[in-house]
């Protein structure tokens, strides 16, 4: 499985937050798709903090299992 923690800024990504996320904060994640990987970060730490880089194949497998 290719998942790694990254702390550097990844330019050019467009981040998306779940439509289930409320405007009052809470525990949510944001996701951005790059050419070779999908990035996941804490929505409360925009522009900083750590994020996960997940290979696109692993992300596709995760989503397929999550929607079953």
PDB file of N, CA and C in Angstrom:
ATOM      1  N   UNK A   1       0.848  -1.173   0.000  1.00  0.00           N
ATOM      2  CA  UNK A   1       0.000   0.000   0.000  1.00  0.00           C
ATOM      3  C   UNK A   1       0.887   1.227   0.000  1.00  0.00           C
ATOM      4  N   UNK A   2       0.578   2.217  -0.823  1.00  0.00           N
ATOM      5  CA  UNK A   2       1.425   3.401  -0.878  1.00  0.00           C
ATOM      6  C   UNK A   2       0.728   4.596  -0.227  1.00  0.00           C
ATOM      7  N   UNK A   3       0.893   4.702   1.070  1.00  0.00           N
ATOM      8  CA  UNK A   3       0.380   5.839   1.834  1.00  0.00           C
ATOM      9  C   UNK A   3       1.549   6.419   2.586  1.00  0.00           C
ATOM     10  N   UNK A   4       1.734   7.729   2.493  1.00  0.00           N
ATOM     11  CA  UNK A   4       2.805   8.350   3.251  1.00  0.00           C
ATOM     12  C   UNK A   4       2.344   9.694   3.786  1.00  0.00           C
ATOM     13  N   UNK A   5       2.947  10.090   4.870  1.00  0.00           N
ATOM     14  CA  UNK A   5       2.654  11.363   5.504  1.00  0.00           C
ATOM     15  C   UNK A   5       3.590  12.404   4.905  1.00  0.00           C
ATOM     16  N   UNK A   6       3.032  13.536   4.462  1.00  0.00           N
ATOM     17  CA  UNK A   6       3.844  14.601   3.888  1.00  0.00           C
ATOM     18  C   UNK A   6       3.555  15.901   4.613  1.00  0.00           C
ATOM     19  N   UNK A   7       4.549  16.745   4.713  1.00  0.00           N
ATOM     20  CA  UNK A   7       4.345  18.033   5.374  1.00  0.00           C
ATOM     21  C   UNK A   7       4.637  19.208   4.461  1.00  0.00           C
ATOM     22  N   UNK A   8       5.227  18.948   3.284  1.00  0.00           N
ATOM     23  CA  UNK A   8       5.517  20.061   2.389  1.00  0.00           C
ATOM     24  C   UNK A   8       4.251  20.512   1.672  1.00  0.00           C
ATOM     25  N   UNK A   9       4.260  21.762   1.219  1.00  0.00           N
ATOM     26  CA  UNK A   9       3.128  22.316   0.490  1.00  0.00           C
ATOM     27  C   UNK A   9       3.092  21.698  -0.905  1.00  0.00           C
ATOM     28  N   UNK A  10       1.943  21.251  -1.337  1.00  0.00           N
ATOM     29  CA  UNK A  10       1.772  20.692  -2.668  1.00  0.00           C
ATOM     30  C   UNK A  10       0.966  21.708  -3.462  1.00  0.00           C
ATOM     31  N   UNK A  11       1.640  22.396  -4.366  1.00  0.00           N
ATOM     32  CA  UNK A  11       0.994  23.475  -5.121  1.00  0.00           C
ATOM     33  C   UNK A  11       0.043  22.947  -6.186  1.00  0.00           C
ATOM     34  N   UNK A  12      -0.940  23.760  -6.507  1.00  0.00           N
ATOM     35  CA  UNK A  12      -1.839  23.463  -7.609  1.00  0.00           C
ATOM     36  C   UNK A  12      -2.956  22.494  -7.304  1.00  0.00           C
ATOM     37  N   UNK A  13      -3.143  22.123  -6.058  1.00  0.00           N
ATOM     38  CA  UNK A  13      -4.221  21.191  -5.725  1.00  0.00           C
ATOM     39  C   UNK A  13      -5.502  21.957  -5.420  1.00  0.00           C
ATOM     40  N   UNK A  14      -6.619  21.398  -5.809  1.00  0.00           N
ATOM     41  CA  UNK A  14      -7.929  21.963  -5.487  1.00  0.00           C
ATOM     42  C   UNK A  14      -8.564  21.060  -4.447  1.00  0.00           C
ATOM     43  N   UNK A  15      -8.773  21.595  -3.251  1.00  0.00           N
ATOM     44  CA  UNK A  15      -9.256  20.811  -2.116  1.00  0.00           C
ATOM     45  C   UNK A  15     -10.774  20.803  -2.069  1.00  0.00           C
ATOM     46  N   UNK A  16     -11.336  19.649  -1.692  1.00  0.00           N
ATOM     47  CA  UNK A  16     -12.783  19.471  -1.564  1.00  0.00           C
ATOM     48  C   UNK A  16     -13.112  18.956  -0.175  1.00  0.00           C
ATOM     49  N   UNK A  17     -14.149  19.539   0.435  1.00  0.00           N
ATOM     50  CA  UNK A  17     -14.620  19.067   1.739  1.00  0.00           C
ATOM     51  C   UNK A  17     -15.952  18.359   1.523  1.00  0.00           C
ATOM     52  N   UNK A  18     -16.209  17.367   2.324  1.00  0.00           N
ATOM     53  CA  UNK A  18     -17.440  16.594   2.206  1.00  0.00           C
ATOM     54  C   UNK A  18     -18.673  17.483   2.317  1.00  0.00           C
ATOM     55  N   UNK A  19     -19.685  17.169   1.527  1.00  0.00           N
ATOM     56  CA  UNK A  19     -20.950  17.905   1.616  1.00  0.00           C
ATOM     57  C   UNK A  19     -21.657  17.620   2.937  1.00  0.00           C
ATOM     58  N   UNK A  20     -21.223  16.586   3.658  1.00  0.00           N
ATOM     59  CA  UNK A  20     -21.786  16.277   4.969  1.00  0.00           C
ATOM     60  C   UNK A  20     -21.162  17.118   6.072  1.00  0.00           C
ATOM     61  N   UNK A  21     -20.121  17.880   5.751  1.00  0.00           N
ATOM     62  CA  UNK A  21     -19.453  18.719   6.744  1.00  0.00           C
ATOM     63  C   UNK A  21     -20.315  19.938   7.037  1.00  0.00           C
ATOM     64  N   UNK A  22     -20.488  20.231   8.290  1.00  0.00           N
ATOM     65  CA  UNK A  22     -21.234  21.415   8.675  1.00  0.00           C
ATOM     66  C   UNK A  22     -20.341  22.638   8.690  1.00  0.00           C
ATOM     67  N   UNK A  23     -20.938  23.801   8.780  1.00  0.00           N
ATOM     68  CA  UNK A  23     -20.153  25.036   8.811  1.00  0.00           C
ATOM     69  C   UNK A  23     -19.658  25.355  10.214  1.00  0.00           C
ATOM     70  N   UNK A  24     -20.069  24.582  11.216  1.00  0.00           N
ATOM     71  CA  UNK A  24     -19.694  24.855  12.595  1.00  0.00           C
ATOM     72  C   UNK A  24     -18.444  24.125  13.063  1.00  0.00           C
ATOM     73  N   UNK A  25     -17.623  23.653  12.132  1.00  0.00           N
ATOM     74  CA  UNK A  25     -16.403  22.942  12.527  1.00  0.00           C
ATOM     75  C   UNK A  25     -16.663  21.457  12.626  1.00  0.00           C
ATOM     76  N   UNK A  26     -15.976  20.811  13.518  1.00  0.00           N
ATOM     77  CA  UNK A  26     -16.147  19.376  13.671  1.00  0.00           C
ATOM     78  C   UNK A  26     -14.988  18.614  13.065  1.00  0.00           C
ATOM     79  N   UNK A  27     -15.148  17.312  13.016  1.00  0.00           N
ATOM     80  CA  UNK A  27     -14.087  16.443  12.512  1.00  0.00           C
ATOM     81  C   UNK A  27     -14.335  16.115  11.049  1.00  0.00           C
ATOM     82  N   UNK A  28     -13.644  16.816  10.165  1.00  0.00           N
ATOM     83  CA  UNK A  28     -13.818  16.600   8.737  1.00  0.00           C
ATOM     84  C   UNK A  28     -12.461  16.525   8.053  1.00  0.00           C
ATOM     85  N   UNK A  29     -12.473  15.957   6.878  1.00  0.00           N
ATOM     86  CA  UNK A  29     -11.255  15.909   6.075  1.00  0.00           C
ATOM     87  C   UNK A  29     -11.525  16.578   4.736  1.00  0.00           C
ATOM     88  N   UNK A  30     -10.443  17.012   4.107  1.00  0.00           N
ATOM     89  CA  UNK A  30     -10.500  17.532   2.753  1.00  0.00           C
ATOM     90  C   UNK A  30      -9.643  16.628   1.878  1.00  0.00           C
ATOM     91  N   UNK A  31     -10.027  16.532   0.606  1.00  0.00           N
ATOM     92  CA  UNK A  31      -9.346  15.653  -0.332  1.00  0.00           C
ATOM     93  C   UNK A  31      -9.014  16.443  -1.592  1.00  0.00           C
ATOM     94  N   UNK A  32      -7.832  16.190  -2.159  1.00  0.00           N
ATOM     95  CA  UNK A  32      -7.433  16.784  -3.432  1.00  0.00           C
ATOM     96  C   UNK A  32      -6.785  15.696  -4.284  1.00  0.00           C
ATOM     97  N   UNK A  33      -7.094  15.697  -5.569  1.00  0.00           N
ATOM     98  CA  UNK A  33      -6.532  14.696  -6.477  1.00  0.00           C
ATOM     99  C   UNK A  33      -5.400  15.304  -7.284  1.00  0.00           C
ATOM    100  N   UNK A  34      -4.239  14.677  -7.209  1.00  0.00           N
ATOM    101  CA  UNK A  34      -3.099  15.040  -8.033  1.00  0.00           C
ATOM    102  C   UNK A  34      -2.989  14.057  -9.183  1.00  0.00           C
ATOM    103  N   UNK A  35      -1.971  14.224 -10.013  1.00  0.00           N
ATOM    104  CA  UNK A  35      -1.804  13.331 -11.165  1.00  0.00           C
ATOM    105  C   UNK A  35      -1.534  11.896 -10.763  1.00  0.00           C
ATOM    106  N   UNK A  36      -0.708  11.693  -9.731  1.00  0.00           N
ATOM    107  CA  UNK A  36      -0.312  10.336  -9.357  1.00  0.00           C
ATOM    108  C   UNK A  36      -0.803   9.909  -7.983  1.00  0.00           C
ATOM    109  N   UNK A  37      -1.416  10.840  -7.246  1.00  0.00           N
ATOM    110  CA  UNK A  37      -1.822  10.519  -5.879  1.00  0.00           C
ATOM    111  C   UNK A  37      -3.028  11.352  -5.480  1.00  0.00           C
ATOM    112  N   UNK A  38      -3.659  10.926  -4.400  1.00  0.00           N
ATOM    113  CA  UNK A  38      -4.752  11.667  -3.773  1.00  0.00           C
ATOM    114  C   UNK A  38      -4.242  12.108  -2.416  1.00  0.00           C
ATOM    115  N   UNK A  39      -4.540  13.348  -2.036  1.00  0.00           N
ATOM    116  CA  UNK A  39      -4.057  13.930  -0.789  1.00  0.00           C
ATOM    117  C   UNK A  39      -5.229  14.143   0.155  1.00  0.00           C
ATOM    118  N   UNK A  40      -5.006  13.871   1.430  1.00  0.00           N
ATOM    119  CA  UNK A  40      -6.043  13.997   2.457  1.00  0.00           C
ATOM    120  C   UNK A  40      -5.469  14.820   3.594  1.00  0.00           C
ATOM    121  N   UNK A  41      -6.241  15.810   4.086  1.00  0.00           N
ATOM    122  CA  UNK A  41      -5.791  16.635   5.203  1.00  0.00           C
ATOM    123  C   UNK A  41      -6.967  16.967   6.114  1.00  0.00           C
ATOM    124  N   UNK A  42      -6.645  17.426   7.303  1.00  0.00           N
ATOM    125  CA  UNK A  42      -7.624  17.868   8.292  1.00  0.00           C
ATOM    126  C   UNK A  42      -8.189  19.208   7.842  1.00  0.00           C
ATOM    127  N   UNK A  43      -9.491  19.323   7.741  1.00  0.00           N
ATOM    128  CA  UNK A  43     -10.107  20.559   7.254  1.00  0.00           C
ATOM    129  C   UNK A  43      -9.931  21.729   8.211  1.00  0.00           C
ATOM    130  N   UNK A  44      -9.572  21.446   9.457  1.00  0.00           N
ATOM    131  CA  UNK A  44      -9.386  22.526  10.432  1.00  0.00           C
ATOM    132  C   UNK A  44      -7.985  23.119  10.366  1.00  0.00           C
ATOM    133  N   UNK A  45      -7.085  22.524   9.594  1.00  0.00           N
ATOM    134  CA  UNK A  45      -5.698  22.985   9.521  1.00  0.00           C
ATOM    135  C   UNK A  45      -5.381  23.326   8.060  1.00  0.00           C
ATOM    136  N   UNK A  46      -6.170  24.226   7.466  1.00  0.00           N
ATOM    137  CA  UNK A  46      -5.998  24.605   6.073  1.00  0.00           C
ATOM    138  C   UNK A  46      -4.671  25.346   5.899  1.00  0.00           C
ATOM    139  N   UNK A  47      -3.925  24.959   4.892  1.00  0.00           N
ATOM    140  CA  UNK A  47      -2.678  25.636   4.585  1.00  0.00           C
ATOM    141  C   UNK A  47      -1.507  25.235   5.454  1.00  0.00           C
ATOM    142  N   UNK A  48      -1.678  24.275   6.296  1.00  0.00           N
ATOM    143  CA  UNK A  48      -0.581  23.856   7.150  1.00  0.00           C
ATOM    144  C   UNK A  48      -0.817  22.469   7.690  1.00  0.00           C
ATOM    145  N   UNK A  49       0.056  22.035   8.523  1.00  0.00           N
ATOM    146  CA  UNK A  49      -0.093  20.718   9.118  1.00  0.00           C
ATOM    147  C   UNK A  49       0.326  19.612   8.179  1.00  0.00           C
ATOM    148  N   UNK A  50      -0.004  18.426   8.562  1.00  0.00           N
ATOM    149  CA  UNK A  50       0.379  17.247   7.802  1.00  0.00           C
ATOM    150  C   UNK A  50      -0.754  16.780   6.915  1.00  0.00           C
ATOM    151  N   UNK A  51      -0.401  16.078   5.867  1.00  0.00           N
ATOM    152  CA  UNK A  51      -1.408  15.460   5.020  1.00  0.00           C
ATOM    153  C   UNK A  51      -0.915  14.089   4.611  1.00  0.00           C
ATOM    154  N   UNK A  52      -1.833  13.272   4.174  1.00  0.00           N
ATOM    155  CA  UNK A  52      -1.493  11.939   3.680  1.00  0.00           C
ATOM    156  C   UNK A  52      -1.504  11.945   2.162  1.00  0.00           C
ATOM    157  N   UNK A  53      -0.535  11.273   1.568  1.00  0.00           N
ATOM    158  CA  UNK A  53      -0.509  11.069   0.121  1.00  0.00           C
ATOM    159  C   UNK A  53      -0.798   9.588  -0.105  1.00  0.00           C
ATOM    160  N   UNK A  54      -1.871   9.319  -0.852  1.00  0.00           N
ATOM    161  CA  UNK A  54      -2.331   7.949  -1.092  1.00  0.00           C
ATOM    162  C   UNK A  54      -2.268   7.693  -2.592  1.00  0.00           C
ATOM    163  N   UNK A  55      -1.704   6.563  -2.981  1.00  0.00           N
ATOM    164  CA  UNK A  55      -1.668   6.210  -4.400  1.00  0.00           C
ATOM    165  C   UNK A  55      -3.067   6.141  -4.976  1.00  0.00           C
ATOM    166  N   UNK A  56      -3.203   6.486  -6.242  1.00  0.00           N
ATOM    167  CA  UNK A  56      -4.538   6.530  -6.859  1.00  0.00           C
ATOM    168  C   UNK A  56      -5.217   5.155  -6.853  1.00  0.00           C
ATOM    169  N   UNK A  57      -4.466   4.102  -7.065  1.00  0.00           N
ATOM    170  CA  UNK A  57      -5.048   2.757  -7.034  1.00  0.00           C
ATOM    171  C   UNK A  57      -5.584   2.399  -5.661  1.00  0.00           C
ATOM    172  N   UNK A  58      -4.824   2.743  -4.633  1.00  0.00           N
ATOM    173  CA  UNK A  58      -5.273   2.484  -3.259  1.00  0.00           C
ATOM    174  C   UNK A  58      -6.497   3.324  -2.924  1.00  0.00           C
ATOM    175  N   UNK A  59      -6.537   4.576  -3.407  1.00  0.00           N
ATOM    176  CA  UNK A  59      -7.685   5.448  -3.156  1.00  0.00           C
ATOM    177  C   UNK A  59      -8.938   4.874  -3.832  1.00  0.00           C
ATOM    178  N   UNK A  60      -8.789   4.419  -5.069  1.00  0.00           N
ATOM    179  CA  UNK A  60      -9.919   3.825  -5.776  1.00  0.00           C
ATOM    180  C   UNK A  60     -10.457   2.600  -5.040  1.00  0.00           C
ATOM    181  N   UNK A  61      -9.562   1.776  -4.500  1.00  0.00           N
ATOM    182  CA  UNK A  61      -9.989   0.600  -3.730  1.00  0.00           C
ATOM    183  C   UNK A  61     -10.720   1.025  -2.455  1.00  0.00           C
ATOM    184  N   UNK A  62     -10.205   2.042  -1.780  1.00  0.00           N
ATOM    185  CA  UNK A  62     -10.845   2.547  -0.557  1.00  0.00           C
ATOM    186  C   UNK A  62     -12.263   3.057  -0.855  1.00  0.00           C
ATOM    187  N   UNK A  63     -12.400   3.874  -1.895  1.00  0.00           N
ATOM    188  CA  UNK A  63     -13.707   4.425  -2.233  1.00  0.00           C
ATOM    189  C   UNK A  63     -14.677   3.312  -2.626  1.00  0.00           C
ATOM    190  N   UNK A  64     -14.212   2.344  -3.379  1.00  0.00           N
ATOM    191  CA  UNK A  64     -15.085   1.236  -3.776  1.00  0.00           C
ATOM    192  C   UNK A  64     -15.615   0.491  -2.554  1.00  0.00           C
ATOM    193  N   UNK A  65     -14.777   0.277  -1.554  1.00  0.00           N
ATOM    194  CA  UNK A  65     -15.226  -0.402  -0.339  1.00  0.00           C
ATOM    195  C   UNK A  65     -16.126   0.485   0.516  1.00  0.00           C
ATOM    196  N   UNK A  66     -15.863   1.796   0.506  1.00  0.00           N
ATOM    197  CA  UNK A  66     -16.637   2.728   1.341  1.00  0.00           C
ATOM    198  C   UNK A  66     -18.064   2.897   0.856  1.00  0.00           C
ATOM    199  N   UNK A  67     -18.300   2.748  -0.439  1.00  0.00           N
ATOM    200  CA  UNK A  67     -19.648   2.975  -0.968  1.00  0.00           C
ATOM    201  C   UNK A  67     -20.490   1.711  -1.040  1.00  0.00           C
ATOM    202  N   UNK A  68     -19.916   0.584  -0.685  1.00  0.00           N
ATOM    203  CA  UNK A  68     -20.698  -0.663  -0.710  1.00  0.00           C
ATOM    204  C   UNK A  68     -21.775  -0.666   0.330  1.00  0.00           C
TER     205      UNK A  68
END
